[in-house]
Amino acid sequence: MAPHPLIDKEAPSFTLPDANGAVFNFPPQDKGRRIEKPIALFFYPRSGTFGCTREACQFRDALAENEIFKRSSVQIIGISADPITKQKAFVEKNHLSFPVLSDQDHVAYRAFNVGKCMFGLTGARMTFVIDGNGVIRGVLSASMSYSAHVKFVIKQLEKIQESKGKSMGTSDEAAAAQRHGQSSSSEESPSSPERDELGRVAQAICA
């Protein structure tokens, strides 16, 4: 299967109502700036069905219990084509601790190239993992396996953290090398008074 066309590209933006009918802008913002933390955006077929309920509850539990979820401060967002009233009942019944959005017009579905499943009867079950820079790093399409999606997010978050750690290590090494170079230069170069004294000695010898 060919990789999803949005892999390694900036995540599209969209605006949808959440389960309370409030406007939700994606990517999420804080004080007018995009949040710089990972996002797991999962599309699911239908609120209230067995598989979709299990998937949403697994994300809820991972936010509270999983170490990589807590350490990365990942933002979980669920989306289906269900109306706001159904999303609200779904969130309240299952005590979901993350935004669940209503996309009846398939705005986000089109933006993220999410197709159909179950012979075209419902939207596909897909999860997108987006890094802190807003770039899509991983996509899972597994409509028949609701339990695979949290596991997929865990693996992707681990990869993002590992990549971030390597990047920070490289930056630290470069900074240390620069400091060492500056230190060596200052040790090898005589101070200003020493240069003046050397200059006077040289003039005396030449005279």
C-alpha atoms as a PDB file:
ATOM      1  CA  MET A   1       0.000   0.000   0.000  1.00  0.00           C
ATOM      2  CA  ALA A   2       1.325   3.431  -0.950  1.00  0.00           C
ATOM      3  CA  PRO A   3       2.065   5.808   1.933  1.00  0.00           C
ATOM      4  CA  HIS A   4      -0.557   8.404   2.731  1.00  0.00           C
ATOM      5  CA  PRO A   5      -0.008  11.578   0.644  1.00  0.00           C
ATOM      6  CA  LEU A   6       0.147  13.789   3.758  1.00  0.00           C
ATOM      7  CA  ILE A   7       3.048  11.946   5.428  1.00  0.00           C
ATOM      8  CA  ASP A   8       5.860  14.404   6.296  1.00  0.00           C
ATOM      9  CA  LYS A   9       3.680  17.353   5.277  1.00  0.00           C
ATOM     10  CA  GLU A  10       2.108  20.066   7.387  1.00  0.00           C
ATOM     11  CA  ALA A  11      -1.280  19.060   8.761  1.00  0.00           C
ATOM     12  CA  PRO A  12      -4.221  20.832   7.082  1.00  0.00           C
ATOM     13  CA  SER A  13      -6.249  23.321   9.078  1.00  0.00           C
ATOM     14  CA  PHE A  14     -10.016  23.233   9.569  1.00  0.00           C
ATOM     15  CA  THR A  15     -12.796  24.481  11.832  1.00  0.00           C
ATOM     16  CA  LEU A  16     -15.519  22.231  13.263  1.00  0.00           C
ATOM     17  CA  PRO A  17     -17.983  22.254  16.161  1.00  0.00           C
ATOM     18  CA  ASP A  18     -17.131  20.175  19.218  1.00  0.00           C
ATOM     19  CA  ALA A  19     -19.545  18.099  21.307  1.00  0.00           C
ATOM     20  CA  ASN A  20     -20.812  21.252  23.023  1.00  0.00           C
ATOM     21  CA  GLY A  21     -21.360  23.112  19.765  1.00  0.00           C
ATOM     22  CA  ALA A  22     -18.390  25.397  20.364  1.00  0.00           C
ATOM     23  CA  VAL A  23     -16.070  26.300  17.498  1.00  0.00           C
ATOM     24  CA  PHE A  24     -12.883  24.219  17.469  1.00  0.00           C
ATOM     25  CA  ASN A  25      -9.987  25.411  15.323  1.00  0.00           C
ATOM     26  CA  PHE A  26      -7.408  22.922  14.137  1.00  0.00           C
ATOM     27  CA  PRO A  27      -4.531  22.994  14.772  1.00  0.00           C
ATOM     28  CA  PRO A  28      -5.313  23.925  18.386  1.00  0.00           C
ATOM     29  CA  GLN A  29      -3.973  27.253  19.579  1.00  0.00           C
ATOM     30  CA  ASP A  30      -2.994  28.806  22.872  1.00  0.00           C
ATOM     31  CA  LYS A  31      -3.087  32.629  23.068  1.00  0.00           C
ATOM     32  CA  GLY A  32      -3.144  32.899  19.294  1.00  0.00           C
ATOM     33  CA  ARG A  33      -0.211  30.525  18.700  1.00  0.00           C
ATOM     34  CA  ARG A  34      -0.293  26.895  17.594  1.00  0.00           C
ATOM     35  CA  ILE A  35       0.415  24.521  20.459  1.00  0.00           C
ATOM     36  CA  GLU A  36       3.857  22.974  20.128  1.00  0.00           C
ATOM     37  CA  LYS A  37       3.077  19.450  21.273  1.00  0.00           C
ATOM     38  CA  PRO A  38       2.141  16.209  19.504  1.00  0.00           C
ATOM     39  CA  ILE A  39      -1.417  15.597  18.350  1.00  0.00           C
ATOM     40  CA  ALA A  40      -3.192  12.301  17.709  1.00  0.00           C
ATOM     41  CA  LEU A  41      -6.171  12.965  15.446  1.00  0.00           C
ATOM     42  CA  PHE A  42      -8.379   9.901  15.072  1.00  0.00           C
ATOM     43  CA  PHE A  43     -11.283   9.534  12.649  1.00  0.00           C
ATOM     44  CA  TYR A  44     -13.790   6.837  13.569  1.00  0.00           C
ATOM     45  CA  PRO A  45     -16.941   5.573  11.807  1.00  0.00           C
ATOM     46  CA  ARG A  46     -19.789   6.140  14.236  1.00  0.00           C
ATOM     47  CA  SER A  47     -20.285   7.263  17.839  1.00  0.00           C
ATOM     48  CA  GLY A  48     -21.924   4.758  20.146  1.00  0.00           C
ATOM     49  CA  THR A  49     -21.000   1.599  18.256  1.00  0.00           C
ATOM     50  CA  PHE A  50     -19.024  -1.084  20.066  1.00  0.00           C
ATOM     51  CA  GLY A  51     -15.697  -0.671  18.258  1.00  0.00           C
ATOM     52  CA  CYS A  52     -15.748   3.133  18.244  1.00  0.00           C
ATOM     53  CA  THR A  53     -16.658   3.256  21.931  1.00  0.00           C
ATOM     54  CA  ARG A  54     -13.814   0.895  22.792  1.00  0.00           C
ATOM     55  CA  GLU A  55     -11.361   2.921  20.712  1.00  0.00           C
ATOM     56  CA  ALA A  56     -12.363   6.238  22.317  1.00  0.00           C
ATOM     57  CA  CYS A  57     -12.188   4.729  25.813  1.00  0.00           C
ATOM     58  CA  GLN A  58      -8.733   3.322  25.099  1.00  0.00           C
ATOM     59  CA  PHE A  59      -7.533   6.807  24.171  1.00  0.00           C
ATOM     60  CA  ARG A  60      -9.168   8.165  27.335  1.00  0.00           C
ATOM     61  CA  ASP A  61      -7.426   5.579  29.507  1.00  0.00           C
ATOM     62  CA  ALA A  62      -4.062   6.063  27.786  1.00  0.00           C
ATOM     63  CA  LEU A  63      -4.168   9.788  28.547  1.00  0.00           C
ATOM     64  CA  ALA A  64      -4.580   8.979  32.230  1.00  0.00           C
ATOM     65  CA  GLU A  65      -2.311   5.953  32.533  1.00  0.00           C
ATOM     66  CA  ASN A  66       0.233   5.603  29.731  1.00  0.00           C
ATOM     67  CA  GLU A  67       3.686   7.040  30.453  1.00  0.00           C
ATOM     68  CA  ILE A  68       4.518   8.238  26.926  1.00  0.00           C
ATOM     69  CA  PHE A  69       1.087   9.865  26.599  1.00  0.00           C
ATOM     70  CA  LYS A  70       1.654  11.790  29.834  1.00  0.00           C
ATOM     71  CA  ARG A  71       5.305  12.633  29.167  1.00  0.00           C
ATOM     72  CA  SER A  72       4.660  13.982  25.678  1.00  0.00           C
ATOM     73  CA  SER A  73       1.496  15.923  26.677  1.00  0.00           C
ATOM     74  CA  VAL A  74      -0.104  14.630  23.472  1.00  0.00           C
ATOM     75  CA  GLN A  75      -3.421  16.216  22.462  1.00  0.00           C
ATOM     76  CA  ILE A  76      -6.054  13.628  21.484  1.00  0.00           C
ATOM     77  CA  ILE A  77      -8.870  14.674  19.129  1.00  0.00           C
ATOM     78  CA  GLY A  78     -11.667  12.438  17.843  1.00  0.00           C
ATOM     79  CA  ILE A  79     -13.744  13.100  14.710  1.00  0.00           C
ATOM     80  CA  SER A  80     -16.764  11.426  13.149  1.00  0.00           C
ATOM     81  CA  ALA A  81     -19.611  12.522  10.905  1.00  0.00           C
ATOM     82  CA  ASP A  82     -22.154  12.267  13.736  1.00  0.00           C
ATOM     83  CA  PRO A  83     -24.235  15.345  14.694  1.00  0.00           C
ATOM     84  CA  ILE A  84     -23.357  17.494  17.697  1.00  0.00           C
ATOM     85  CA  THR A  85     -26.121  16.046  19.885  1.00  0.00           C
ATOM     86  CA  LYS A  86     -24.852  12.511  19.361  1.00  0.00           C
ATOM     87  CA  GLN A  87     -21.257  13.561  20.041  1.00  0.00           C
ATOM     88  CA  LYS A  88     -22.321  15.211  23.276  1.00  0.00           C
ATOM     89  CA  ALA A  89     -24.109  12.077  24.477  1.00  0.00           C
ATOM     90  CA  PHE A  90     -21.105   9.954  23.437  1.00  0.00           C
ATOM     91  CA  VAL A  91     -18.659  12.146  25.373  1.00  0.00           C
ATOM     92  CA  GLU A  92     -20.795  12.327  28.497  1.00  0.00           C
ATOM     93  CA  LYS A  93     -21.675   8.630  28.629  1.00  0.00           C
ATOM     94  CA  ASN A  94     -18.044   7.531  28.291  1.00  0.00           C
ATOM     95  CA  HIS A  95     -16.473  10.397  30.297  1.00  0.00           C
ATOM     96  CA  LEU A  96     -14.137  11.273  27.439  1.00  0.00           C
ATOM     97  CA  SER A  97     -11.421  13.729  28.426  1.00  0.00           C
ATOM     98  CA  PHE A  98     -10.570  15.043  24.952  1.00  0.00           C
ATOM     99  CA  PRO A  99     -12.386  16.989  22.208  1.00  0.00           C
ATOM    100  CA  VAL A 100     -14.763  15.035  19.982  1.00  0.00           C
ATOM    101  CA  LEU A 101     -15.726  16.935  16.835  1.00  0.00           C
ATOM    102  CA  SER A 102     -18.734  16.746  14.532  1.00  0.00           C
ATOM    103  CA  ASP A 103     -17.907  16.689  10.808  1.00  0.00           C
ATOM    104  CA  GLN A 104     -21.249  16.170   9.084  1.00  0.00           C
ATOM    105  CA  ASP A 105     -20.063  17.974   5.951  1.00  0.00           C
ATOM    106  CA  HIS A 106     -16.811  15.951   5.816  1.00  0.00           C
ATOM    107  CA  VAL A 107     -14.622  19.059   5.930  1.00  0.00           C
ATOM    108  CA  ALA A 108     -11.799  17.371   7.849  1.00  0.00           C
ATOM    109  CA  TYR A 109     -12.376  14.056   6.070  1.00  0.00           C
ATOM    110  CA  ARG A 110     -11.604  15.712   2.733  1.00  0.00           C
ATOM    111  CA  ALA A 111      -8.690  17.742   4.090  1.00  0.00           C
ATOM    112  CA  PHE A 112      -7.017  14.589   5.457  1.00  0.00           C
ATOM    113  CA  ASN A 113      -8.000  12.289   2.560  1.00  0.00           C
ATOM    114  CA  VAL A 114     -10.000   9.965   4.794  1.00  0.00           C
ATOM    115  CA  GLY A 115     -12.030   7.578   2.670  1.00  0.00           C
ATOM    116  CA  LYS A 116     -14.843   5.124   3.340  1.00  0.00           C
ATOM    117  CA  CYS A 117     -15.120   1.688   4.901  1.00  0.00           C
ATOM    118  CA  MET A 118     -17.797  -1.011   5.249  1.00  0.00           C
ATOM    119  CA  PHE A 119     -18.541  -0.950   1.489  1.00  0.00           C
ATOM    120  CA  GLY A 120     -18.741   2.837   1.524  1.00  0.00           C
ATOM    121  CA  LEU A 121     -21.377   3.001   4.253  1.00  0.00           C
ATOM    122  CA  THR A 122     -19.272   4.902   6.819  1.00  0.00           C
ATOM    123  CA  GLY A 123     -16.056   6.884   7.062  1.00  0.00           C
ATOM    124  CA  ALA A 124     -12.824   4.959   7.541  1.00  0.00           C
ATOM    125  CA  ARG A 125     -11.076   4.488  10.867  1.00  0.00           C
ATOM    126  CA  MET A 126      -7.805   6.391  10.553  1.00  0.00           C
ATOM    127  CA  THR A 127      -5.352   7.957  12.975  1.00  0.00           C
ATOM    128  CA  PHE A 128      -2.867  10.736  12.221  1.00  0.00           C
ATOM    129  CA  VAL A 129       0.064  11.496  14.526  1.00  0.00           C
ATOM    130  CA  ILE A 130       1.354  15.058  14.194  1.00  0.00           C
ATOM    131  CA  ASP A 131       4.565  16.307  15.806  1.00  0.00           C
ATOM    132  CA  GLY A 132       5.104  19.523  17.734  1.00  0.00           C
ATOM    133  CA  ASN A 133       5.979  21.364  14.522  1.00  0.00           C
ATOM    134  CA  GLY A 134       2.632  20.528  12.935  1.00  0.00           C
ATOM    135  CA  VAL A 135       4.025  17.876  10.566  1.00  0.00           C
ATOM    136  CA  ILE A 136       2.209  14.565  10.040  1.00  0.00           C
ATOM    137  CA  ARG A 137       4.644  11.803  11.035  1.00  0.00           C
ATOM    138  CA  GLY A 138       2.461   8.715  10.947  1.00  0.00           C
ATOM    139  CA  VAL A 139      -0.879   7.520   9.547  1.00  0.00           C
ATOM    140  CA  LEU A 140      -2.716   4.311  10.386  1.00  0.00           C
ATOM    141  CA  SER A 141      -5.695   3.073   8.375  1.00  0.00           C
ATOM    142  CA  ALA A 142      -7.212   0.102  10.189  1.00  0.00           C
ATOM    143  CA  SER A 143     -10.987   0.234  10.031  1.00  0.00           C
ATOM    144  CA  MET A 144     -11.499  -3.289  11.334  1.00  0.00           C
ATOM    145  CA  SER A 145      -9.053  -3.050  14.240  1.00  0.00           C
ATOM    146  CA  TYR A 146     -10.080  -0.417  16.772  1.00  0.00           C
ATOM    147  CA  SER A 147      -7.507  -1.640  19.304  1.00  0.00           C
ATOM    148  CA  ALA A 148      -4.557  -0.996  16.947  1.00  0.00           C
ATOM    149  CA  HIS A 149      -4.833   2.786  17.066  1.00  0.00           C
ATOM    150  CA  VAL A 150      -3.653   3.541  20.609  1.00  0.00           C
ATOM    151  CA  LYS A 151      -0.743   1.128  20.116  1.00  0.00           C
ATOM    152  CA  PHE A 152       0.147   2.931  16.902  1.00  0.00           C
ATOM    153  CA  VAL A 153       0.125   6.321  18.641  1.00  0.00           C
ATOM    154  CA  ILE A 154       2.385   4.989  21.405  1.00  0.00           C
ATOM    155  CA  LYS A 155       4.969   3.837  18.843  1.00  0.00           C
ATOM    156  CA  GLN A 156       4.814   7.120  16.939  1.00  0.00           C
ATOM    157  CA  LEU A 157       5.210   9.186  20.115  1.00  0.00           C
ATOM    158  CA  GLU A 158       8.259   7.123  21.059  1.00  0.00           C
ATOM    159  CA  LYS A 159       9.777   7.825  17.622  1.00  0.00           C
ATOM    160  CA  ILE A 160       9.081  11.545  17.970  1.00  0.00           C
ATOM    161  CA  GLN A 161      10.659  11.649  21.431  1.00  0.00           C
ATOM    162  CA  GLU A 162      13.687   9.703  20.206  1.00  0.00           C
ATOM    163  CA  SER A 163      14.133  12.031  17.237  1.00  0.00           C
ATOM    164  CA  LYS A 164      13.755  15.050  19.503  1.00  0.00           C
ATOM    165  CA  GLY A 165      16.363  13.657  21.902  1.00  0.00           C
ATOM    166  CA  LYS A 166      18.866  13.108  19.094  1.00  0.00           C
ATOM    167  CA  SER A 167      18.278  16.636  17.799  1.00  0.00           C
ATOM    168  CA  MET A 168      18.854  18.140  21.240  1.00  0.00           C
ATOM    169  CA  GLY A 169      21.995  16.033  21.678  1.00  0.00           C
ATOM    170  CA  THR A 170      23.422  17.291  18.387  1.00  0.00           C
ATOM    171  CA  SER A 171      22.663  20.892  19.366  1.00  0.00           C
ATOM    172  CA  ASP A 172      24.355  20.430  22.754  1.00  0.00           C
ATOM    173  CA  GLU A 173      27.451  18.946  21.096  1.00  0.00           C
ATOM    174  CA  ALA A 174      27.671  21.843  18.652  1.00  0.00           C
ATOM    175  CA  ALA A 175      27.318  24.375  21.470  1.00  0.00           C
ATOM    176  CA  ALA A 176      29.990  22.607  23.520  1.00  0.00           C
ATOM    177  CA  ALA A 177      32.362  22.565  20.538  1.00  0.00           C
ATOM    178  CA  GLN A 178      31.793  26.262  19.983  1.00  0.00           C
ATOM    179  CA  ARG A 179      32.484  27.038  23.645  1.00  0.00           C
ATOM    180  CA  HIS A 180      35.641  24.916  23.515  1.00  0.00           C
ATOM    181  CA  GLY A 181      36.822  26.766  20.412  1.00  0.00           C
ATOM    182  CA  GLN A 182      36.251  30.135  22.043  1.00  0.00           C
ATOM    183  CA  SER A 183      38.050  28.992  25.185  1.00  0.00           C
ATOM    184  CA  SER A 184      41.050  27.697  23.223  1.00  0.00           C
ATOM    185  CA  SER A 185      41.227  30.909  21.218  1.00  0.00           C
ATOM    186  CA  SER A 186      41.226  33.075  24.321  1.00  0.00           C
ATOM    187  CA  GLU A 187      43.907  30.892  25.939  1.00  0.00           C
ATOM    188  CA  GLU A 188      46.187  31.049  22.926  1.00  0.00           C
ATOM    189  CA  SER A 189      45.788  34.764  22.290  1.00  0.00           C
ATOM    190  CA  PRO A 190      47.724  37.105  24.597  1.00  0.00           C
ATOM    191  CA  SER A 191      45.726  39.620  26.559  1.00  0.00           C
ATOM    192  CA  SER A 192      45.756  43.318  25.655  1.00  0.00           C
ATOM    193  CA  PRO A 193      48.433  44.333  28.255  1.00  0.00           C
ATOM    194  CA  GLU A 194      50.620  41.443  27.105  1.00  0.00           C
ATOM    195  CA  ARG A 195      50.328  42.574  23.497  1.00  0.00           C
ATOM    196  CA  ASP A 196      51.316  46.133  24.492  1.00  0.00           C
ATOM    197  CA  GLU A 197      54.362  44.879  26.362  1.00  0.00           C
ATOM    198  CA  LEU A 198      55.417  42.676  23.463  1.00  0.00           C
ATOM    199  CA  GLY A 199      55.060  45.657  21.169  1.00  0.00           C
ATOM    200  CA  ARG A 200      57.349  47.823  23.347  1.00  0.00           C
ATOM    201  CA  VAL A 201      59.991  45.069  23.506  1.00  0.00           C
ATOM    202  CA  ALA A 202      59.907  44.712  19.748  1.00  0.00           C
ATOM    203  CA  GLN A 203      60.338  48.478  19.274  1.00  0.00           C
ATOM    204  CA  ALA A 204      63.294  48.534  21.687  1.00  0.00           C
ATOM    205  CA  ILE A 205      65.023  45.702  19.851  1.00  0.00           C
ATOM    206  CA  CYS A 206      64.486  47.319  16.462  1.00  0.00           C
ATOM    207  CA  ALA A 207      65.761  50.680  17.770  1.00  0.00           C
END
